Protein backbone atom coordinates (compact mmCIF):
# COMPACT_ATOMS: atom_id res chain seq x y z
CA MET A 1 242.91 69.92 244.44
CA SER A 2 241.90 66.55 245.89
CA LYS A 3 238.83 64.70 244.68
CA GLU A 4 237.32 65.31 248.11
CA HIS A 5 237.40 69.09 247.57
CA ALA A 6 236.90 69.17 243.81
CA SER A 7 233.12 68.75 244.02
CA ILE A 8 232.50 71.75 246.33
CA PRO A 9 233.05 75.49 245.82
CA PHE A 10 236.36 76.84 247.12
CA PHE A 11 234.65 79.03 249.71
CA LEU A 12 233.27 75.92 251.44
CA CYS A 13 236.66 74.21 251.65
CA PRO A 14 237.95 73.71 255.23
CA PRO A 15 241.11 75.81 254.70
CA PHE A 16 239.10 78.79 253.46
CA LEU A 17 236.53 78.48 256.25
CA SER A 18 239.32 78.34 258.82
CA LEU A 19 240.79 81.55 257.40
CA VAL A 20 237.40 83.28 257.56
CA ALA A 21 236.92 82.16 261.16
CA LEU A 22 240.37 83.49 262.10
CA CYS A 23 239.62 86.88 260.49
CA ALA A 24 236.28 87.09 262.24
CA PHE A 25 238.02 86.46 265.55
CA LEU A 26 240.80 89.00 265.01
CA VAL A 27 238.90 91.80 263.27
CA PRO A 28 235.93 93.37 265.10
CA CYS A 29 232.95 94.18 262.92
CA PRO A 30 230.57 96.54 264.75
CA ALA A 31 228.39 97.03 261.69
CA ILE A 32 226.94 93.53 262.10
CA PRO A 33 223.98 93.78 264.50
CA CYS A 34 223.74 90.07 265.36
CA LEU A 35 224.89 88.96 268.80
CA LEU A 36 225.13 85.38 270.05
CA ASN A 37 223.33 85.11 273.36
CA ILE A 38 223.80 82.45 276.02
CA HIS A 39 221.15 80.19 274.49
CA GLY A 40 223.19 79.83 271.30
CA HIS A 41 220.68 81.70 269.12
CA PHE A 42 221.47 84.70 266.99
CA SER A 43 219.35 87.73 267.76
CA ALA A 44 219.52 91.26 266.47
CA MET A 45 219.43 94.23 268.79
CA LYS A 46 218.66 97.29 266.73
CA ILE A 47 219.25 100.71 268.26
CA ILE A 48 216.86 103.18 266.64
CA GLU A 49 218.23 106.68 267.17
CA ALA A 50 216.01 108.43 264.58
CA ASN A 51 212.70 108.63 266.43
CA PRO A 52 210.41 111.29 267.94
CA PHE A 53 211.42 110.52 271.56
CA GLN A 54 214.91 112.07 271.71
CA ARG A 55 216.41 108.89 273.15
CA PRO A 56 217.35 105.49 271.72
CA VAL A 57 214.68 102.84 271.21
CA PHE A 58 216.03 99.29 271.55
CA LEU A 59 214.38 96.69 269.34
CA PHE A 60 215.09 92.96 269.67
CA SER A 61 213.79 90.77 266.83
CA PRO A 62 214.06 87.08 265.90
CA THR A 63 215.21 86.20 262.41
CA GLU A 64 211.78 84.78 261.56
CA LYS A 65 208.28 86.17 262.05
CA PRO A 66 207.76 86.63 265.82
CA LYS A 67 205.16 84.65 267.76
CA SER A 68 204.18 87.84 269.54
CA GLN A 69 205.48 91.34 270.27
CA ILE A 70 206.30 92.74 273.70
CA LEU A 71 206.43 96.34 274.85
CA LEU A 72 208.65 96.15 277.94
CA LEU A 73 208.76 98.91 280.58
CA HIS A 74 211.54 99.11 283.17
CA GLY A 75 211.32 100.26 286.79
CA ILE A 76 212.10 103.50 288.59
CA CYS A 77 215.70 104.75 288.79
CA GLU A 78 217.00 102.10 286.36
CA HIS A 79 217.35 101.83 282.58
CA SER A 80 216.48 99.66 279.58
CA MET A 81 219.77 97.81 279.23
CA ARG A 82 219.20 96.01 282.51
CA TYR A 83 216.63 94.02 280.47
CA ARG A 84 218.86 93.32 277.47
CA HIS A 85 219.77 89.78 278.54
CA PHE A 86 216.14 88.95 279.35
CA ALA A 87 214.95 90.44 276.03
CA GLU A 88 217.47 88.33 274.11
CA SER A 89 216.25 85.21 275.93
CA LEU A 90 212.71 86.06 274.73
CA VAL A 91 214.01 86.48 271.19
CA ALA A 92 215.47 82.96 271.45
CA GLU A 93 211.90 81.80 272.16
CA GLY A 94 210.61 83.59 269.06
CA TYR A 95 209.35 86.91 270.48
CA ALA A 96 210.11 90.50 269.49
CA VAL A 97 210.77 93.07 272.23
CA ALA A 98 210.91 96.88 272.28
CA ILE A 99 212.34 98.88 275.20
CA MET A 100 212.93 102.60 275.81
CA ASP A 101 214.28 104.54 278.78
CA HIS A 102 211.72 106.55 280.76
CA GLN A 103 212.04 110.31 280.91
CA ALA A 104 214.57 111.28 283.64
CA HIS A 105 216.15 107.82 283.34
CA GLY A 106 219.06 106.22 281.53
CA PHE A 107 220.16 107.81 278.28
CA THR A 108 217.53 110.56 278.46
CA ILE A 109 219.84 112.38 280.89
CA PRO A 110 222.18 114.95 279.29
CA GLY A 111 225.83 113.99 279.66
CA THR A 112 225.33 110.21 279.50
CA GLU A 113 226.80 109.93 275.99
CA ASN A 114 230.13 108.80 277.46
CA LEU A 115 228.36 105.85 279.10
CA ARG A 116 227.24 104.22 275.85
CA SER A 117 229.72 101.38 276.47
CA LEU A 118 227.24 100.27 279.13
CA ILE A 119 225.05 98.93 276.32
CA ASP A 120 227.68 96.26 275.62
CA SER A 121 228.30 95.71 279.34
CA TYR A 122 224.82 94.21 279.70
CA SER A 123 225.21 91.88 276.71
CA ASN A 124 226.09 88.78 278.73
CA THR A 125 226.09 87.09 282.14
CA PRO A 126 226.13 88.94 285.49
CA ASN A 127 229.88 88.31 285.85
CA HIS A 128 230.46 89.94 282.47
CA VAL A 129 228.24 92.90 283.41
CA LEU A 130 230.06 93.53 286.69
CA ALA A 131 233.47 93.32 285.03
CA HIS A 132 232.59 95.71 282.20
CA LEU A 133 230.49 98.46 283.81
CA PRO A 134 231.99 101.86 282.95
CA LYS A 135 233.57 103.89 285.75
CA ILE A 136 233.00 107.62 286.26
CA SER A 137 234.79 110.18 288.41
CA ASP A 138 233.28 111.93 291.43
CA GLU A 139 233.00 115.12 289.37
CA GLU A 140 231.16 113.30 286.59
CA GLN A 141 228.89 111.76 289.21
CA LYS A 142 227.98 115.22 290.57
CA THR A 143 227.24 116.50 287.07
CA LEU A 144 225.06 113.48 286.38
CA TYR A 145 223.22 114.02 289.67
CA HIS A 146 222.35 117.63 288.83
CA SER A 147 221.27 116.72 285.28
CA THR A 148 219.05 113.94 286.65
CA ASP A 149 217.55 116.27 289.26
CA LEU A 150 216.63 118.81 286.58
CA ALA A 151 214.99 116.03 284.54
CA TRP A 152 213.01 114.80 287.58
CA LYS A 153 211.64 118.32 288.16
CA LYS A 154 210.07 118.35 284.70
CA THR A 155 208.50 114.89 284.88
CA CYS A 156 205.43 113.21 286.35
CA ILE A 157 204.33 109.64 285.84
CA ASN A 158 201.47 110.57 283.48
CA ASP A 159 204.10 111.90 281.08
CA LEU A 160 205.57 108.41 280.98
CA VAL A 161 202.19 106.79 280.25
CA ASP A 162 201.73 109.24 277.36
CA ASP A 163 205.24 108.46 276.11
CA TYR A 164 204.61 104.74 275.87
CA GLN A 165 201.28 105.19 274.15
CA ALA A 166 203.10 107.28 271.54
CA LEU A 167 205.90 104.70 271.35
CA ALA A 168 203.48 101.83 270.73
CA GLN A 169 201.70 103.79 268.00
CA TRP A 170 205.03 104.73 266.42
CA LEU A 171 206.34 101.15 266.46
CA PHE A 172 203.32 99.99 264.47
CA ASP A 173 203.15 103.02 262.17
CA GLU A 174 206.85 102.67 261.26
CA LYS A 175 206.41 98.90 260.81
CA HIS A 176 208.91 97.97 263.51
CA PHE A 177 205.97 96.00 264.94
CA ASP A 178 203.48 94.07 262.79
CA LYS A 179 199.78 94.95 263.12
CA GLU A 180 198.92 91.34 262.26
CA ILE A 181 200.74 90.04 265.37
CA ASP A 182 199.51 90.27 268.98
CA LEU A 183 201.04 92.72 271.43
CA HIS A 184 201.83 91.94 275.07
CA VAL A 185 202.44 94.83 277.46
CA MET A 186 204.91 93.97 280.22
CA GLY A 187 206.29 96.07 283.05
CA HIS A 188 208.43 95.74 286.14
CA SER A 189 207.89 97.75 289.34
CA MET A 190 206.95 101.32 288.36
CA GLY A 191 207.00 100.07 284.78
CA GLY A 192 204.30 97.60 285.83
CA LEU A 193 202.16 100.42 287.17
CA ILE A 194 202.63 102.39 283.94
CA ALA A 195 201.89 99.27 281.86
CA THR A 196 198.64 98.72 283.79
CA ALA A 197 197.50 102.27 283.01
CA LEU A 198 198.76 102.06 279.42
CA ALA A 199 197.30 98.77 278.17
CA PRO A 200 193.60 99.85 278.26
CA ARG A 201 194.52 102.92 276.20
CA LEU A 202 196.20 100.74 273.59
CA CYS A 203 193.13 98.50 273.44
CA LYS A 204 191.22 101.49 272.04
CA ILE A 205 193.65 102.05 269.16
CA ALA A 206 192.62 100.47 265.88
CA ASP A 207 194.95 97.77 264.51
CA ILE A 208 196.71 97.21 267.86
CA ASN A 209 195.66 93.88 269.34
CA VAL A 210 196.72 93.81 272.99
CA LYS A 211 196.48 90.23 274.20
CA ARG A 212 197.67 90.25 277.84
CA LEU A 213 199.23 92.37 280.58
CA ILE A 214 202.30 90.82 282.24
CA LEU A 215 203.59 92.28 285.50
CA SER A 216 206.70 91.72 287.61
CA SER A 217 206.63 93.18 291.14
CA PRO A 218 204.26 95.99 290.07
CA ALA A 219 204.33 99.17 292.15
CA PHE A 220 200.71 99.13 293.30
CA ARG A 221 201.76 100.14 296.82
CA PRO A 222 205.09 101.72 297.89
CA GLY A 223 207.70 100.12 300.10
CA PHE A 224 209.76 101.90 302.76
CA ASN A 225 213.35 101.57 303.89
CA PRO A 226 213.16 98.92 306.64
CA ASP A 227 216.48 100.11 308.09
CA SER A 228 215.29 103.69 308.69
CA ILE A 229 213.37 104.78 311.76
CA GLY A 230 211.91 107.54 309.59
CA ARG A 231 209.88 104.92 307.71
CA PHE A 232 207.11 105.16 310.31
CA PHE A 233 206.62 108.84 309.55
CA LEU A 234 206.68 108.18 305.80
CA MET A 235 204.19 105.34 306.16
CA GLY A 236 201.87 107.66 308.07
CA VAL A 237 202.21 110.32 305.38
CA HIS A 238 201.42 107.74 302.70
CA LYS A 239 198.34 106.41 304.51
CA PHE A 240 196.94 109.92 305.01
CA SER A 241 197.66 110.91 301.41
CA TRP A 242 196.18 107.65 300.06
CA PHE A 243 193.01 108.15 302.13
CA CYS A 244 192.55 111.69 300.80
CA LYS A 245 193.13 110.63 297.20
CA SER A 246 190.63 107.80 297.57
CA HIS A 247 187.85 110.28 298.39
CA ASP A 248 186.99 112.92 295.83
CA SER A 249 185.93 115.45 298.44
CA LEU A 250 189.37 115.24 300.12
CA TYR A 251 191.46 115.28 296.97
CA PRO A 252 192.23 119.04 297.16
CA LEU A 253 193.57 118.47 300.67
CA SER A 254 195.95 115.82 299.36
CA ARG A 255 197.24 118.26 296.73
CA LEU A 256 197.95 120.89 299.39
CA PHE A 257 199.63 118.24 301.52
CA GLU A 258 201.86 117.26 298.58
CA LYS A 259 202.91 120.86 297.87
CA ILE A 260 204.10 121.27 301.44
CA LEU A 261 206.02 117.99 301.56
CA THR A 262 207.64 118.40 298.12
CA LEU A 263 209.46 121.46 299.46
CA LYS A 264 211.93 118.88 300.79
CA GLY A 265 212.92 118.26 297.17
CA SER A 266 214.22 114.74 296.70
CA GLU A 267 214.17 111.41 298.49
CA SER A 268 217.10 108.99 298.54
CA THR A 269 216.54 105.57 297.00
CA LYS A 270 220.08 104.35 297.69
CA TRP A 271 218.79 101.92 300.32
CA ALA A 272 216.93 99.93 297.64
CA ALA A 273 220.20 98.37 296.40
CA ASN A 274 220.23 96.08 299.45
CA TYR A 275 216.81 94.66 298.58
CA ILE A 276 217.01 94.37 294.79
CA SER A 277 218.02 90.71 294.75
CA ASP A 278 218.94 87.81 297.00
CA LEU A 279 222.04 87.28 294.83
CA ALA A 280 225.15 89.17 295.92
CA ILE A 281 226.41 89.75 292.38
CA GLU A 282 223.13 91.40 291.32
CA THR A 283 223.27 93.65 294.36
CA GLN A 284 226.80 94.69 293.44
CA ILE A 285 225.83 95.38 289.82
CA TYR A 286 223.04 97.64 291.04
CA LYS A 287 225.45 99.54 293.29
CA ASP A 288 228.15 99.91 290.62
CA ASP A 289 226.02 100.88 287.62
CA PRO A 290 226.66 104.62 287.05
CA LEU A 291 223.45 105.02 285.05
CA LEU A 292 221.22 104.03 287.98
CA SER A 293 219.77 106.96 289.90
CA GLN A 294 219.96 106.86 293.69
CA PHE A 295 217.24 109.40 294.36
CA SER A 296 213.91 110.66 293.06
CA ARG A 297 211.97 113.89 293.35
CA LEU A 298 209.13 113.79 295.88
CA SER A 299 206.86 115.47 293.36
CA PHE A 300 207.37 112.50 291.04
CA LEU A 301 206.84 109.98 293.85
CA PHE A 302 203.53 111.62 294.76
CA SER A 303 202.45 111.41 291.11
CA ILE A 304 203.17 107.67 291.31
CA GLU A 305 200.99 107.40 294.40
CA THR A 306 198.12 109.14 292.60
CA LEU A 307 198.33 106.64 289.75
CA MET A 308 198.41 103.78 292.29
CA VAL A 309 195.06 104.92 293.68
CA GLU A 310 193.56 105.29 290.21
CA THR A 311 194.86 101.87 289.13
CA LEU A 312 193.28 100.04 292.06
CA LYS A 313 189.93 101.60 291.12
CA LEU A 314 190.43 100.33 287.57
CA ALA A 315 190.86 96.67 288.59
CA PRO A 316 187.20 95.48 288.50
CA SER A 317 186.67 96.77 284.94
CA TYR A 318 190.12 95.92 283.59
CA PRO A 319 189.76 94.85 279.94
CA LEU A 320 192.60 92.31 279.68
CA PRO A 321 193.78 89.01 281.18
CA ILE A 322 196.73 89.46 283.54
CA SER A 323 199.77 87.47 284.62
CA LEU A 324 201.42 88.86 287.77
CA ALA A 325 204.51 87.71 289.66
CA CYS A 326 205.71 89.22 292.96
CA ALA A 327 207.61 88.34 296.14
CA ASP A 328 205.75 88.44 299.43
CA GLU A 329 208.71 89.95 301.34
CA ASP A 330 209.54 92.63 298.76
CA LYS A 331 210.71 95.76 300.61
CA ILE A 332 210.86 98.12 297.61
CA VAL A 333 207.19 97.77 296.77
CA ASN A 334 204.55 96.40 299.10
CA SER A 335 203.25 93.15 297.60
CA GLN A 336 199.96 93.70 299.42
CA GLY A 337 199.17 96.14 296.62
CA SER A 338 199.34 93.28 294.11
CA VAL A 339 197.21 91.06 296.35
CA ASP A 340 194.59 93.83 296.70
CA PHE A 341 194.56 94.50 292.96
CA ALA A 342 194.17 90.77 292.24
CA ALA A 343 191.31 90.43 294.73
CA SER A 344 189.48 93.39 293.22
CA TYR A 345 190.07 92.06 289.69
CA ARG A 346 188.79 88.58 290.55
CA LYS A 347 185.43 89.92 291.73
CA THR A 348 184.39 90.60 288.14
CA HIS A 349 186.60 88.27 286.07
CA LEU A 350 186.90 84.54 285.50
CA ASP A 351 189.58 82.71 287.49
CA GLU A 352 191.51 81.80 284.33
CA GLU A 353 191.87 85.46 283.39
CA LEU A 354 194.36 86.07 286.22
CA ASP A 355 197.57 84.18 286.91
CA LEU A 356 199.11 85.25 290.22
CA LEU A 357 202.51 83.87 291.18
CA LEU A 358 203.41 84.91 294.73
CA PHE A 359 206.91 83.86 295.77
CA LYS A 360 206.79 82.96 299.45
CA GLN A 361 209.60 84.07 301.78
CA LEU A 362 211.50 85.78 298.97
CA ASN A 363 213.05 89.04 300.14
CA CYS A 364 213.87 90.77 296.87
CA HIS A 365 212.31 93.04 294.26
CA GLU A 366 213.74 92.02 290.89
CA ILE A 367 212.67 88.39 290.67
CA LEU A 368 214.17 88.05 287.19
CA ARG A 369 217.53 88.82 288.83
CA SER A 370 217.04 86.58 291.85
CA SER A 371 217.56 82.93 292.78
CA GLN A 372 214.06 82.34 291.36
CA HIS A 373 214.75 83.89 287.96
CA LYS A 374 214.17 80.64 286.03
CA VAL A 375 210.79 80.08 287.67
CA CYS A 376 209.78 83.67 286.94
CA ARG A 377 210.99 83.49 283.34
CA ASP A 378 209.05 80.24 282.75
CA PHE A 379 205.96 81.89 284.21
CA ILE A 380 206.34 84.78 281.73
CA ILE A 381 206.89 82.42 278.76
CA LYS A 382 203.70 80.52 279.69
CA ALA A 383 201.84 83.83 279.87
CA LEU A 384 203.07 84.72 276.38
CA GLU A 385 201.91 81.35 275.05
CA LYS A 386 198.33 81.70 276.33
């Protein structure tokens, strides 16, 4: 051995390290949970199967003590893994993130076991996602549709709020989250609506310190398919239903109205793919992802509307500071709902308690998957640092 190598252990010698690197490249090792994300930081995504929720819980943690912890809620008809890349970028900044699929979404649907490869599909850039999305046959698609429909029939949005309250409690009780570290509650679209209803509940739980609510395109008012002439009828139905739900004396009428209309069964959401993002590749990912639902039950949609009405009433007495980002030309949710919520909130809160980022002339719903994703991400990081 040369004098150059004699003073160091053999396992640090260049030839040995080269051999190790070659083996690591040639031999896959799925037991190692660390994945290198695009920022060059190692982060661990832990899939917790043993839990009370009968679906996987995805936990992203930095190697050191996190600055803060984030409970992240996805939107309607999508699934948790669409946020994997974003969660790993937050880990690179020192934050811990927990995500779980809603009931009637993602891996809660029976028969989705053969789509588990989708978890790895979302581990990298949009080009990687599009190239690695699993394909399913027409017969498998029909089976998945019927399984999803059965799940929708059993679910209302209040079930989801209850789920996430239980999840938050479980994360702290099982020490996946640290009671000594602040919690941020963050939600996108319908997940934003759920997060807004959820956070005040969590504030009442001992040892859970909720610091801020962070919202991306929250579903405070519904959007309607701009390419359908039937949208005018649906908008009229919504306005009448909203008016009835806003007045206690008319609430029974709204319930009767709902029972009649829900006889139709389901409502297609396929049109939303065209307004998800202003980036063509993100639109294509949304269309090709077999785990994304393209419809919802009307009974569930009416339960969302009810929570929208209740949430707007909650704004003046809301117990937390809020950071909210939305696009003014969003077609999937009506951004006027966010503007109305913000105006009601500001009547009784200090200006610094609300950060509202309204993207002008941006026609898309998922800002974190749009041409403005860096601006939106920076806005969220600043909110986490407050």
